[in-house]
Amino acid sequence: MDRDEARYRTQLEDAKRASTIQLLFRTARMLDEEALRRVATKPGRPKLRRSHTSLFPHIDLEGTRVSELAERLGVSKQAVSQLVDDLEQQGVLERVVDPEDARARRVRFTARGRAGLLDGLAILKELEAECAKVIGASQMEDLHRALSALDAHLREK
């Protein structure tokens, strides 16, 4: 490695270490991976990937059109359709007639998918309790308040 590359690598690593948002991204990714690992250990659960779970928050309970999901995720309709196909085969999602346009379809959670969401949130609650043991309940509550405030602010934009 030449001197310029070594200097750049040092600058990059220093900038990453100094970035709270970078730390938030990395921590969120690791927690997401652990949650998926735990889901996978439960018998009879779907084989979920991060790409699958990234779709979940964008699906309205009454259903959402594939085109809308693609827009919300910033990906192609084909990419969303492939994810929906995977999850439909696993019994997590279903396509139903759109009540506003009989020619269109909406994607929604099946009964199994809705139960899976609640199971997933229970796993997240377990992870939160483990995090609270590491940083303390008070700091965990502070983190929740801080993230809630940021979430509210960013939703306003």
C-alpha atoms as a PDB file:
ATOM      1  CA  MET A   1       0.000   0.000   0.000  1.00  0.00           C
ATOM      2  CA  ASP A   2       1.438   3.382  -0.954  1.00  0.00           C
ATOM      3  CA  ARG A   3       1.545   6.400   1.344  1.00  0.00           C
ATOM      4  CA  ASP A   4      -1.486   8.175  -0.251  1.00  0.00           C
ATOM      5  CA  GLU A   5      -3.630   5.089   0.098  1.00  0.00           C
ATOM      6  CA  ALA A   6      -2.547   4.623   3.730  1.00  0.00           C
ATOM      7  CA  ARG A   7      -3.337   8.290   4.466  1.00  0.00           C
ATOM      8  CA  TYR A   8      -6.750   7.970   2.826  1.00  0.00           C
ATOM      9  CA  ARG A   9      -7.507   4.778   4.771  1.00  0.00           C
ATOM     10  CA  THR A  10      -6.620   6.541   8.033  1.00  0.00           C
ATOM     11  CA  GLN A  11      -8.787   9.552   7.137  1.00  0.00           C
ATOM     12  CA  LEU A  12     -11.673   7.292   6.216  1.00  0.00           C
ATOM     13  CA  GLU A  13     -11.477   5.252   9.422  1.00  0.00           C
ATOM     14  CA  ASP A  14     -11.151   8.418  11.545  1.00  0.00           C
ATOM     15  CA  ALA A  15     -14.204   9.946   9.846  1.00  0.00           C
ATOM     16  CA  LYS A  16     -16.214   6.754  10.375  1.00  0.00           C
ATOM     17  CA  ARG A  17     -15.278   6.584  14.064  1.00  0.00           C
ATOM     18  CA  ALA A  18     -16.271  10.236  14.544  1.00  0.00           C
ATOM     19  CA  SER A  19     -19.664   9.814  12.851  1.00  0.00           C
ATOM     20  CA  THR A  20     -22.617   9.104  15.122  1.00  0.00           C
ATOM     21  CA  ILE A  21     -24.813   8.278  12.123  1.00  0.00           C
ATOM     22  CA  GLN A  22     -22.230   5.792  10.793  1.00  0.00           C
ATOM     23  CA  LEU A  23     -22.218   4.165  14.238  1.00  0.00           C
ATOM     24  CA  LEU A  24     -26.028   4.069  14.208  1.00  0.00           C
ATOM     25  CA  PHE A  25     -26.023   2.403  10.755  1.00  0.00           C
ATOM     26  CA  ARG A  26     -23.460  -0.211  11.796  1.00  0.00           C
ATOM     27  CA  THR A  27     -25.211  -0.976  15.077  1.00  0.00           C
ATOM     28  CA  ALA A  28     -28.610  -1.203  13.363  1.00  0.00           C
ATOM     29  CA  ARG A  29     -27.175  -3.605  10.774  1.00  0.00           C
ATOM     30  CA  MET A  30     -25.697  -5.865  13.458  1.00  0.00           C
ATOM     31  CA  LEU A  31     -28.927  -5.869  15.465  1.00  0.00           C
ATOM     32  CA  ASP A  32     -30.906  -6.612  12.302  1.00  0.00           C
ATOM     33  CA  GLU A  33     -28.610  -9.534  11.497  1.00  0.00           C
ATOM     34  CA  GLU A  34     -28.996 -10.901  15.032  1.00  0.00           C
ATOM     35  CA  ALA A  35     -32.789 -10.590  14.870  1.00  0.00           C
ATOM     36  CA  LEU A  36     -32.825 -12.474  11.544  1.00  0.00           C
ATOM     37  CA  ARG A  37     -30.561 -15.144  13.019  1.00  0.00           C
ATOM     38  CA  ARG A  38     -32.960 -15.624  15.908  1.00  0.00           C
ATOM     39  CA  VAL A  39     -35.982 -15.822  13.613  1.00  0.00           C
ATOM     40  CA  ALA A  40     -34.175 -18.457  11.536  1.00  0.00           C
ATOM     41  CA  THR A  41     -33.619 -20.660  14.603  1.00  0.00           C
ATOM     42  CA  LYS A  42     -37.357 -20.946  15.263  1.00  0.00           C
ATOM     43  CA  PRO A  43     -38.892 -24.030  13.610  1.00  0.00           C
ATOM     44  CA  GLY A  44     -41.363 -23.382  10.819  1.00  0.00           C
ATOM     45  CA  ARG A  45     -40.384 -19.760  10.349  1.00  0.00           C
ATOM     46  CA  PRO A  46     -39.859 -18.301   6.884  1.00  0.00           C
ATOM     47  CA  LYS A  47     -36.329 -17.956   5.542  1.00  0.00           C
ATOM     48  CA  LEU A  48     -36.017 -14.187   5.705  1.00  0.00           C
ATOM     49  CA  ARG A  49     -33.233 -12.047   4.309  1.00  0.00           C
ATOM     50  CA  ARG A  50     -32.509  -8.408   5.066  1.00  0.00           C
ATOM     51  CA  SER A  51     -33.968  -7.471   1.696  1.00  0.00           C
ATOM     52  CA  HIS A  52     -37.246  -9.081   2.776  1.00  0.00           C
ATOM     53  CA  THR A  53     -37.409  -7.268   6.095  1.00  0.00           C
ATOM     54  CA  SER A  54     -36.576  -3.943   4.445  1.00  0.00           C
ATOM     55  CA  LEU A  55     -39.877  -4.291   2.586  1.00  0.00           C
ATOM     56  CA  PHE A  56     -42.052  -4.873   5.681  1.00  0.00           C
ATOM     57  CA  PRO A  57     -42.281  -1.310   7.068  1.00  0.00           C
ATOM     58  CA  HIS A  58     -43.521  -0.079   3.692  1.00  0.00           C
ATOM     59  CA  ILE A  59     -46.505  -2.421   3.457  1.00  0.00           C
ATOM     60  CA  ASP A  60     -49.709  -0.849   4.752  1.00  0.00           C
ATOM     61  CA  LEU A  61     -51.983  -3.234   6.660  1.00  0.00           C
ATOM     62  CA  GLU A  62     -54.732  -2.798   4.040  1.00  0.00           C
ATOM     63  CA  GLY A  63     -52.169  -3.541   1.338  1.00  0.00           C
ATOM     64  CA  THR A  64     -49.917  -1.535  -0.945  1.00  0.00           C
ATOM     65  CA  ARG A  65     -49.407  -1.673  -4.705  1.00  0.00           C
ATOM     66  CA  VAL A  66     -46.060  -2.952  -5.968  1.00  0.00           C
ATOM     67  CA  SER A  67     -45.453   0.357  -7.758  1.00  0.00           C
ATOM     68  CA  GLU A  68     -45.901   2.242  -4.484  1.00  0.00           C
ATOM     69  CA  LEU A  69     -43.577  -0.167  -2.659  1.00  0.00           C
ATOM     70  CA  ALA A  70     -40.956   0.337  -5.359  1.00  0.00           C
ATOM     71  CA  GLU A  71     -41.236   4.105  -4.990  1.00  0.00           C
ATOM     72  CA  ARG A  72     -41.011   3.942  -1.186  1.00  0.00           C
ATOM     73  CA  LEU A  73     -37.935   1.703  -1.346  1.00  0.00           C
ATOM     74  CA  GLY A  74     -36.322   3.517  -4.270  1.00  0.00           C
ATOM     75  CA  VAL A  75     -35.950   0.331  -6.330  1.00  0.00           C
ATOM     76  CA  SER A  76     -37.508  -1.090  -9.471  1.00  0.00           C
ATOM     77  CA  LYS A  77     -40.951  -2.701  -9.600  1.00  0.00           C
ATOM     78  CA  GLN A  78     -39.200  -5.871 -10.777  1.00  0.00           C
ATOM     79  CA  ALA A  79     -37.023  -5.964  -7.647  1.00  0.00           C
ATOM     80  CA  VAL A  80     -40.056  -5.530  -5.392  1.00  0.00           C
ATOM     81  CA  SER A  81     -42.017  -8.123  -7.353  1.00  0.00           C
ATOM     82  CA  GLN A  82     -39.236 -10.646  -6.826  1.00  0.00           C
ATOM     83  CA  LEU A  83     -39.230 -10.006  -3.066  1.00  0.00           C
ATOM     84  CA  VAL A  84     -43.022 -10.259  -2.976  1.00  0.00           C
ATOM     85  CA  ASP A  85     -42.862 -13.523  -4.965  1.00  0.00           C
ATOM     86  CA  ASP A  86     -40.376 -14.972  -2.438  1.00  0.00           C
ATOM     87  CA  LEU A  87     -42.506 -13.944   0.514  1.00  0.00           C
ATOM     88  CA  GLU A  88     -45.718 -15.052  -1.146  1.00  0.00           C
ATOM     89  CA  GLN A  89     -44.242 -18.541  -1.661  1.00  0.00           C
ATOM     90  CA  GLN A  90     -43.387 -18.607   2.053  1.00  0.00           C
ATOM     91  CA  GLY A  91     -46.924 -17.617   3.026  1.00  0.00           C
ATOM     92  CA  VAL A  92     -45.944 -14.236   4.472  1.00  0.00           C
ATOM     93  CA  LEU A  93     -47.547 -11.986   1.838  1.00  0.00           C
ATOM     94  CA  GLU A  94     -50.430 -12.253  -0.578  1.00  0.00           C
ATOM     95  CA  ARG A  95     -51.672 -10.284  -3.554  1.00  0.00           C
ATOM     96  CA  VAL A  96     -55.301  -9.208  -3.393  1.00  0.00           C
ATOM     97  CA  VAL A  97     -57.592  -7.200  -5.644  1.00  0.00           C
ATOM     98  CA  ASP A  98     -57.308  -3.468  -5.071  1.00  0.00           C
ATOM     99  CA  PRO A  99     -60.761  -2.263  -3.952  1.00  0.00           C
ATOM    100  CA  GLU A 100     -60.170   1.037  -5.778  1.00  0.00           C
ATOM    101  CA  ASP A 101     -59.277  -0.617  -9.112  1.00  0.00           C
ATOM    102  CA  ALA A 102     -60.232  -4.234  -9.815  1.00  0.00           C
ATOM    103  CA  ARG A 103     -57.483  -4.486 -12.445  1.00  0.00           C
ATOM    104  CA  ALA A 104     -54.786  -3.687  -9.874  1.00  0.00           C
ATOM    105  CA  ARG A 105     -53.415  -5.773  -7.014  1.00  0.00           C
ATOM    106  CA  ARG A 106     -52.261  -4.860  -3.537  1.00  0.00           C
ATOM    107  CA  VAL A 107     -49.666  -6.689  -1.501  1.00  0.00           C
ATOM    108  CA  ARG A 108     -50.588  -7.369   2.110  1.00  0.00           C
ATOM    109  CA  PHE A 109     -49.580  -9.603   4.979  1.00  0.00           C
ATOM    110  CA  THR A 110     -51.269 -12.964   5.362  1.00  0.00           C
ATOM    111  CA  ALA A 111     -52.418 -14.146   8.798  1.00  0.00           C
ATOM    112  CA  ARG A 112     -49.063 -15.943   9.034  1.00  0.00           C
ATOM    113  CA  GLY A 113     -47.252 -12.738   8.048  1.00  0.00           C
ATOM    114  CA  ARG A 114     -49.130 -10.662  10.638  1.00  0.00           C
ATOM    115  CA  ALA A 115     -48.298 -13.215  13.343  1.00  0.00           C
ATOM    116  CA  GLY A 116     -44.682 -13.135  12.153  1.00  0.00           C
ATOM    117  CA  LEU A 117     -44.556  -9.351  12.571  1.00  0.00           C
ATOM    118  CA  LEU A 118     -45.604  -9.704  16.196  1.00  0.00           C
ATOM    119  CA  ASP A 119     -43.041 -12.487  16.714  1.00  0.00           C
ATOM    120  CA  GLY A 120     -40.372 -10.293  15.149  1.00  0.00           C
ATOM    121  CA  LEU A 121     -41.241  -7.391  17.423  1.00  0.00           C
ATOM    122  CA  ALA A 122     -40.988  -9.737  20.428  1.00  0.00           C
ATOM    123  CA  ILE A 123     -37.477 -10.666  19.286  1.00  0.00           C
ATOM    124  CA  LEU A 124     -36.614  -6.973  19.001  1.00  0.00           C
ATOM    125  CA  LYS A 125     -37.892  -6.473  22.546  1.00  0.00           C
ATOM    126  CA  GLU A 126     -35.514  -9.244  23.713  1.00  0.00           C
ATOM    127  CA  LEU A 127     -32.637  -7.522  21.930  1.00  0.00           C
ATOM    128  CA  GLU A 128     -33.585  -4.201  23.540  1.00  0.00           C
ATOM    129  CA  ALA A 129     -33.484  -5.832  26.988  1.00  0.00           C
ATOM    130  CA  GLU A 130     -30.019  -7.217  26.208  1.00  0.00           C
ATOM    131  CA  CYS A 131     -28.873  -3.779  25.050  1.00  0.00           C
ATOM    132  CA  ALA A 132     -30.238  -2.252  28.260  1.00  0.00           C
ATOM    133  CA  LYS A 133     -28.088  -4.690  30.245  1.00  0.00           C
ATOM    134  CA  VAL A 134     -25.035  -3.405  28.363  1.00  0.00           C
ATOM    135  CA  ILE A 135     -25.702   0.347  28.497  1.00  0.00           C
ATOM    136  CA  GLY A 136     -28.189   0.553  31.370  1.00  0.00           C
ATOM    137  CA  ALA A 137     -31.946   1.017  31.391  1.00  0.00           C
ATOM    138  CA  SER A 138     -31.676   4.788  31.760  1.00  0.00           C
ATOM    139  CA  GLN A 139     -29.442   5.167  28.703  1.00  0.00           C
ATOM    140  CA  MET A 140     -31.716   2.823  26.744  1.00  0.00           C
ATOM    141  CA  GLU A 141     -34.685   5.057  27.612  1.00  0.00           C
ATOM    142  CA  ASP A 142     -32.649   8.130  26.606  1.00  0.00           C
ATOM    143  CA  LEU A 143     -31.767   6.453  23.317  1.00  0.00           C
ATOM    144  CA  HIS A 144     -35.432   5.669  22.675  1.00  0.00           C
ATOM    145  CA  ARG A 145     -36.442   9.271  23.355  1.00  0.00           C
ATOM    146  CA  ALA A 146     -33.659  10.655  21.155  1.00  0.00           C
ATOM    147  CA  LEU A 147     -34.459   8.333  18.257  1.00  0.00           C
ATOM    148  CA  SER A 148     -38.195   9.051  18.616  1.00  0.00           C
ATOM    149  CA  ALA A 149     -37.494  12.782  18.387  1.00  0.00           C
ATOM    150  CA  LEU A 150     -35.320  12.315  15.300  1.00  0.00           C
ATOM    151  CA  ASP A 151     -37.921  10.044  13.727  1.00  0.00           C
ATOM    152  CA  ALA A 152     -40.667  12.632  14.274  1.00  0.00           C
ATOM    153  CA  HIS A 153     -38.492  15.411  12.860  1.00  0.00           C
ATOM    154  CA  LEU A 154     -37.502  13.430   9.769  1.00  0.00           C
ATOM    155  CA  ARG A 155     -41.099  12.365   9.086  1.00  0.00           C
ATOM    156  CA  GLU A 156     -42.092  16.045   8.935  1.00  0.00           C
ATOM    157  CA  LYS A 157     -39.799  16.681   5.974  1.00  0.00           C
END
